[in-house]
Amino acid sequence: MVVKLTDRVHYDLQEIERYSLQRWGRKRANRYLADIQTALSLLQEDPDLLRHDSNISTSL
C-alpha cells in the first residue's frame, strides 16, 4: 500500500511542529513527527491495521 499525503496533511504536520516547538520545544516536536512517520510506515507495511467505518469517506 502506498500512503499519499495531501497538501493539507503537510500543512497540518507543519502546524503540529510549530505548536509543539512553541509549547514543549524541539525534542518533543521531533518525537511527535517521528511517531507520526512510524505510524504511516506501519500502515504502509500492513494496511489491515486500518479499520473500516462506513461513516468515514472511502477517500480518506
PDB file of N, CA and C in Angstrom:
ATOM      1  N   MET A   1       0.847  -1.172   0.000  1.00  0.00           N
ATOM      2  CA  MET A   1       0.000   0.000   0.000  1.00  0.00           C
ATOM      3  C   MET A   1       0.895   1.238   0.000  1.00  0.00           C
ATOM      4  N   VAL A   2       0.481   2.215  -0.746  1.00  0.00           N
ATOM      5  CA  VAL A   2       1.201   3.486  -0.796  1.00  0.00           C
ATOM      6  C   VAL A   2       0.392   4.516  -0.013  1.00  0.00           C
ATOM      7  N   VAL A   3       1.047   5.186   0.904  1.00  0.00           N
ATOM      8  CA  VAL A   3       0.414   6.251   1.675  1.00  0.00           C
ATOM      9  C   VAL A   3       0.764   7.569   1.005  1.00  0.00           C
ATOM     10  N   LYS A   4      -0.258   8.283   0.558  1.00  0.00           N
ATOM     11  CA  LYS A   4      -0.052   9.580  -0.076  1.00  0.00           C
ATOM     12  C   LYS A   4      -0.527  10.673   0.868  1.00  0.00           C
ATOM     13  N   LEU A   5       0.301  11.676   1.047  1.00  0.00           N
ATOM     14  CA  LEU A   5      -0.046  12.786   1.909  1.00  0.00           C
ATOM     15  C   LEU A   5      -0.485  13.979   1.067  1.00  0.00           C
ATOM     16  N   THR A   6      -1.624  14.529   1.411  1.00  0.00           N
ATOM     17  CA  THR A   6      -2.146  15.689   0.692  1.00  0.00           C
ATOM     18  C   THR A   6      -1.438  16.955   1.153  1.00  0.00           C
ATOM     19  N   ASP A   7      -1.668  18.023   0.425  1.00  0.00           N
ATOM     20  CA  ASP A   7      -1.120  19.317   0.827  1.00  0.00           C
ATOM     21  C   ASP A   7      -1.632  19.700   2.215  1.00  0.00           C
ATOM     22  N   ARG A   8      -2.886  19.368   2.500  1.00  0.00           N
ATOM     23  CA  ARG A   8      -3.457  19.678   3.815  1.00  0.00           C
ATOM     24  C   ARG A   8      -2.711  18.929   4.922  1.00  0.00           C
ATOM     25  N   VAL A   9      -2.349  17.688   4.669  1.00  0.00           N
ATOM     26  CA  VAL A   9      -1.610  16.915   5.662  1.00  0.00           C
ATOM     27  C   VAL A   9      -0.249  17.559   5.913  1.00  0.00           C
ATOM     28  N   HIS A  10       0.420  17.963   4.858  1.00  0.00           N
ATOM     29  CA  HIS A  10       1.718  18.623   5.025  1.00  0.00           C
ATOM     30  C   HIS A  10       1.566  19.905   5.849  1.00  0.00           C
ATOM     31  N   TYR A  11       0.513  20.645   5.582  1.00  0.00           N
ATOM     32  CA  TYR A  11       0.244  21.861   6.356  1.00  0.00           C
ATOM     33  C   TYR A  11       0.000  21.507   7.822  1.00  0.00           C
ATOM     34  N   ASP A  12      -0.824  20.499   8.060  1.00  0.00           N
ATOM     35  CA  ASP A  12      -1.119  20.094   9.437  1.00  0.00           C
ATOM     36  C   ASP A  12       0.140  19.642  10.167  1.00  0.00           C
ATOM     37  N   LEU A  13       1.015  18.921   9.490  1.00  0.00           N
ATOM     38  CA  LEU A  13       2.267  18.488  10.104  1.00  0.00           C
ATOM     39  C   LEU A  13       3.143  19.682  10.477  1.00  0.00           C
ATOM     40  N   GLN A  14       3.154  20.680   9.618  1.00  0.00           N
ATOM     41  CA  GLN A  14       3.912  21.899   9.926  1.00  0.00           C
ATOM     42  C   GLN A  14       3.323  22.600  11.149  1.00  0.00           C
ATOM     43  N   GLU A  15       1.995  22.599  11.237  1.00  0.00           N
ATOM     44  CA  GLU A  15       1.341  23.223  12.381  1.00  0.00           C
ATOM     45  C   GLU A  15       1.591  22.436  13.669  1.00  0.00           C
ATOM     46  N   ILE A  16       1.601  21.126  13.584  1.00  0.00           N
ATOM     47  CA  ILE A  16       1.926  20.293  14.741  1.00  0.00           C
ATOM     48  C   ILE A  16       3.339  20.605  15.206  1.00  0.00           C
ATOM     49  N   GLU A  17       4.247  20.707  14.258  1.00  0.00           N
ATOM     50  CA  GLU A  17       5.631  21.019  14.605  1.00  0.00           C
ATOM     51  C   GLU A  17       5.735  22.406  15.239  1.00  0.00           C
ATOM     52  N   ARG A  18       5.105  23.377  14.633  1.00  0.00           N
ATOM     53  CA  ARG A  18       5.162  24.755  15.133  1.00  0.00           C
ATOM     54  C   ARG A  18       4.591  24.836  16.551  1.00  0.00           C
ATOM     55  N   TYR A  19       3.424  24.262  16.745  1.00  0.00           N
ATOM     56  CA  TYR A  19       2.782  24.302  18.058  1.00  0.00           C
ATOM     57  C   TYR A  19       3.640  23.585  19.104  1.00  0.00           C
ATOM     58  N   SER A  20       4.138  22.413  18.739  1.00  0.00           N
ATOM     59  CA  SER A  20       4.954  21.636  19.671  1.00  0.00           C
ATOM     60  C   SER A  20       6.238  22.362  20.039  1.00  0.00           C
ATOM     61  N   LEU A  21       6.857  23.006  19.050  1.00  0.00           N
ATOM     62  CA  LEU A  21       8.066  23.799  19.325  1.00  0.00           C
ATOM     63  C   LEU A  21       7.779  24.899  20.340  1.00  0.00           C
ATOM     64  N   GLN A  22       6.701  25.620  20.108  1.00  0.00           N
ATOM     65  CA  GLN A  22       6.360  26.735  20.997  1.00  0.00           C
ATOM     66  C   GLN A  22       5.984  26.243  22.387  1.00  0.00           C
ATOM     67  N   ARG A  23       5.278  25.143  22.448  1.00  0.00           N
ATOM     68  CA  ARG A  23       4.735  24.661  23.726  1.00  0.00           C
ATOM     69  C   ARG A  23       5.740  23.839  24.536  1.00  0.00           C
ATOM     70  N   TRP A  24       6.464  22.938  23.848  1.00  0.00           N
ATOM     71  CA  TRP A  24       7.291  21.974  24.567  1.00  0.00           C
ATOM     72  C   TRP A  24       8.751  21.909  24.096  1.00  0.00           C
ATOM     73  N   GLY A  25       9.082  22.512  22.954  1.00  0.00           N
ATOM     74  CA  GLY A  25      10.468  22.507  22.498  1.00  0.00           C
ATOM     75  C   GLY A  25      10.747  21.512  21.384  1.00  0.00           C
ATOM     76  N   ARG A  26      11.980  21.598  20.860  1.00  0.00           N
ATOM     77  CA  ARG A  26      12.406  20.825  19.692  1.00  0.00           C
ATOM     78  C   ARG A  26      12.343  19.319  19.931  1.00  0.00           C
ATOM     79  N   LYS A  27      12.780  18.876  21.095  1.00  0.00           N
ATOM     80  CA  LYS A  27      12.831  17.438  21.359  1.00  0.00           C
ATOM     81  C   LYS A  27      11.437  16.804  21.241  1.00  0.00           C
ATOM     82  N   ARG A  28      10.440  17.435  21.841  1.00  0.00           N
ATOM     83  CA  ARG A  28       9.079  16.900  21.786  1.00  0.00           C
ATOM     84  C   ARG A  28       8.507  16.998  20.372  1.00  0.00           C
ATOM     85  N   ALA A  29       8.769  18.103  19.697  1.00  0.00           N
ATOM     86  CA  ALA A  29       8.285  18.261  18.326  1.00  0.00           C
ATOM     87  C   ALA A  29       8.852  17.160  17.437  1.00  0.00           C
ATOM     88  N   ASN A  30      10.145  16.899  17.571  1.00  0.00           N
ATOM     89  CA  ASN A  30      10.764  15.837  16.782  1.00  0.00           C
ATOM     90  C   ASN A  30      10.151  14.479  17.105  1.00  0.00           C
ATOM     91  N   ARG A  31       9.842  14.265  18.378  1.00  0.00           N
ATOM     92  CA  ARG A  31       9.244  12.983  18.769  1.00  0.00           C
ATOM     93  C   ARG A  31       7.866  12.810  18.142  1.00  0.00           C
ATOM     94  N   TYR A  32       7.033  13.847  18.192  1.00  0.00           N
ATOM     95  CA  TYR A  32       5.709  13.758  17.583  1.00  0.00           C
ATOM     96  C   TYR A  32       5.811  13.429  16.093  1.00  0.00           C
ATOM     97  N   LEU A  33       6.677  14.148  15.395  1.00  0.00           N
ATOM     98  CA  LEU A  33       6.817  13.923  13.957  1.00  0.00           C
ATOM     99  C   LEU A  33       7.360  12.523  13.663  1.00  0.00           C
ATOM    100  N   ALA A  34       8.294  12.056  14.468  1.00  0.00           N
ATOM    101  CA  ALA A  34       8.831  10.703  14.293  1.00  0.00           C
ATOM    102  C   ALA A  34       7.752   9.658  14.559  1.00  0.00           C
ATOM    103  N   ASP A  35       6.927   9.888  15.572  1.00  0.00           N
ATOM    104  CA  ASP A  35       5.834   8.952  15.870  1.00  0.00           C
ATOM    105  C   ASP A  35       4.819   8.894  14.730  1.00  0.00           C
ATOM    106  N   ILE A  36       4.532  10.031  14.146  1.00  0.00           N
ATOM    107  CA  ILE A  36       3.608  10.066  13.004  1.00  0.00           C
ATOM    108  C   ILE A  36       4.219   9.307  11.828  1.00  0.00           C
ATOM    109  N   GLN A  37       5.493   9.532  11.564  1.00  0.00           N
ATOM    110  CA  GLN A  37       6.177   8.823  10.475  1.00  0.00           C
ATOM    111  C   GLN A  37       6.162   7.316  10.717  1.00  0.00           C
ATOM    112  N   THR A  38       6.387   6.910  11.941  1.00  0.00           N
ATOM    113  CA  THR A  38       6.356   5.478  12.283  1.00  0.00           C
ATOM    114  C   THR A  38       4.974   4.902  12.025  1.00  0.00           C
ATOM    115  N   ALA A  39       3.938   5.612  12.443  1.00  0.00           N
ATOM    116  CA  ALA A  39       2.569   5.142  12.225  1.00  0.00           C
ATOM    117  C   ALA A  39       2.258   5.010  10.739  1.00  0.00           C
ATOM    118  N   LEU A  40       2.684   5.986   9.944  1.00  0.00           N
ATOM    119  CA  LEU A  40       2.446   5.918   8.498  1.00  0.00           C
ATOM    120  C   LEU A  40       3.208   4.742   7.877  1.00  0.00           C
ATOM    121  N   SER A  41       4.407   4.497   8.335  1.00  0.00           N
ATOM    122  CA  SER A  41       5.191   3.363   7.832  1.00  0.00           C
ATOM    123  C   SER A  41       4.523   2.041   8.184  1.00  0.00           C
ATOM    124  N   LEU A  42       4.002   1.936   9.399  1.00  0.00           N
ATOM    125  CA  LEU A  42       3.306   0.713   9.807  1.00  0.00           C
ATOM    126  C   LEU A  42       2.070   0.476   8.955  1.00  0.00           C
ATOM    127  N   LEU A  43       1.328   1.536   8.668  1.00  0.00           N
ATOM    128  CA  LEU A  43       0.148   1.405   7.811  1.00  0.00           C
ATOM    129  C   LEU A  43       0.529   0.996   6.398  1.00  0.00           C
ATOM    130  N   GLN A  44       1.632   1.517   5.928  1.00  0.00           N
ATOM    131  CA  GLN A  44       2.093   1.172   4.586  1.00  0.00           C
ATOM    132  C   GLN A  44       2.479  -0.306   4.525  1.00  0.00           C
ATOM    133  N   GLU A  45       3.101  -0.800   5.587  1.00  0.00           N
ATOM    134  CA  GLU A  45       3.508  -2.202   5.632  1.00  0.00           C
ATOM    135  C   GLU A  45       2.333  -3.145   5.868  1.00  0.00           C
ATOM    136  N   ASP A  46       1.345  -2.700   6.640  1.00  0.00           N
ATOM    137  CA  ASP A  46       0.227  -3.568   7.000  1.00  0.00           C
ATOM    138  C   ASP A  46      -1.082  -2.778   6.977  1.00  0.00           C
ATOM    139  N   PRO A  47      -1.680  -2.613   5.793  1.00  0.00           N
ATOM    140  CA  PRO A  47      -2.910  -1.833   5.665  1.00  0.00           C
ATOM    141  C   PRO A  47      -4.071  -2.408   6.476  1.00  0.00           C
ATOM    142  N   ASP A  48      -3.986  -3.672   6.865  1.00  0.00           N
ATOM    143  CA  ASP A  48      -5.058  -4.274   7.651  1.00  0.00           C
ATOM    144  C   ASP A  48      -5.143  -3.690   9.059  1.00  0.00           C
ATOM    145  N   LEU A  49      -4.173  -2.871   9.444  1.00  0.00           N
ATOM    146  CA  LEU A  49      -4.247  -2.190  10.734  1.00  0.00           C
ATOM    147  C   LEU A  49      -5.395  -1.179  10.765  1.00  0.00           C
ATOM    148  N   LEU A  50      -5.783  -0.718   9.580  1.00  0.00           N
ATOM    149  CA  LEU A  50      -6.894   0.233   9.493  1.00  0.00           C
ATOM    150  C   LEU A  50      -8.210  -0.501   9.674  1.00  0.00           C
ATOM    151  N   ARG A  51      -9.145   0.141  10.328  1.00  0.00           N
ATOM    152  CA  ARG A  51     -10.459  -0.463  10.472  1.00  0.00           C
ATOM    153  C   ARG A  51     -11.433   0.242   9.540  1.00  0.00           C
ATOM    154  N   HIS A  52     -12.393  -0.479   9.077  1.00  0.00           N
ATOM    155  CA  HIS A  52     -13.404   0.084   8.187  1.00  0.00           C
ATOM    156  C   HIS A  52     -14.512   0.718   9.021  1.00  0.00           C
ATOM    157  N   ASP A  53     -14.899   1.908   8.654  1.00  0.00           N
ATOM    158  CA  ASP A  53     -16.007   2.590   9.307  1.00  0.00           C
ATOM    159  C   ASP A  53     -16.849   3.213   8.204  1.00  0.00           C
ATOM    160  N   SER A  54     -18.057   2.736   8.057  1.00  0.00           N
ATOM    161  CA  SER A  54     -18.909   3.204   6.959  1.00  0.00           C
ATOM    162  C   SER A  54     -19.296   4.678   7.097  1.00  0.00           C
ATOM    163  N   ASN A  55     -19.061   5.269   8.250  1.00  0.00           N
ATOM    164  CA  ASN A  55     -19.350   6.688   8.455  1.00  0.00           C
ATOM    165  C   ASN A  55     -18.238   7.606   7.963  1.00  0.00           C
ATOM    166  N   ILE A  56     -17.116   7.010   7.554  1.00  0.00           N
ATOM    167  CA  ILE A  56     -15.966   7.783   7.080  1.00  0.00           C
ATOM    168  C   ILE A  56     -15.847   7.583   5.567  1.00  0.00           C
ATOM    169  N   SER A  57     -15.599   8.651   4.862  1.00  0.00           N
ATOM    170  CA  SER A  57     -15.476   8.597   3.419  1.00  0.00           C
ATOM    171  C   SER A  57     -14.391   7.615   2.997  1.00  0.00           C
ATOM    172  N   THR A  58     -14.639   6.857   1.930  1.00  0.00           N
ATOM    173  CA  THR A  58     -13.649   5.907   1.432  1.00  0.00           C
ATOM    174  C   THR A  58     -12.438   6.608   0.827  1.00  0.00           C
ATOM    175  N   SER A  59     -12.535   7.910   0.569  1.00  0.00           N
ATOM    176  CA  SER A  59     -11.385   8.633   0.020  1.00  0.00           C
ATOM    177  C   SER A  59     -10.357   8.987   1.091  1.00  0.00           C
ATOM    178  N   LEU A  60     -10.697   8.731   2.348  1.00  0.00           N
ATOM    179  CA  LEU A  60      -9.754   9.041   3.436  1.00  0.00           C
ATOM    180  C   LEU A  60      -8.971   7.817   3.828  1.00  0.00           C
TER     181      LEU A  60
END
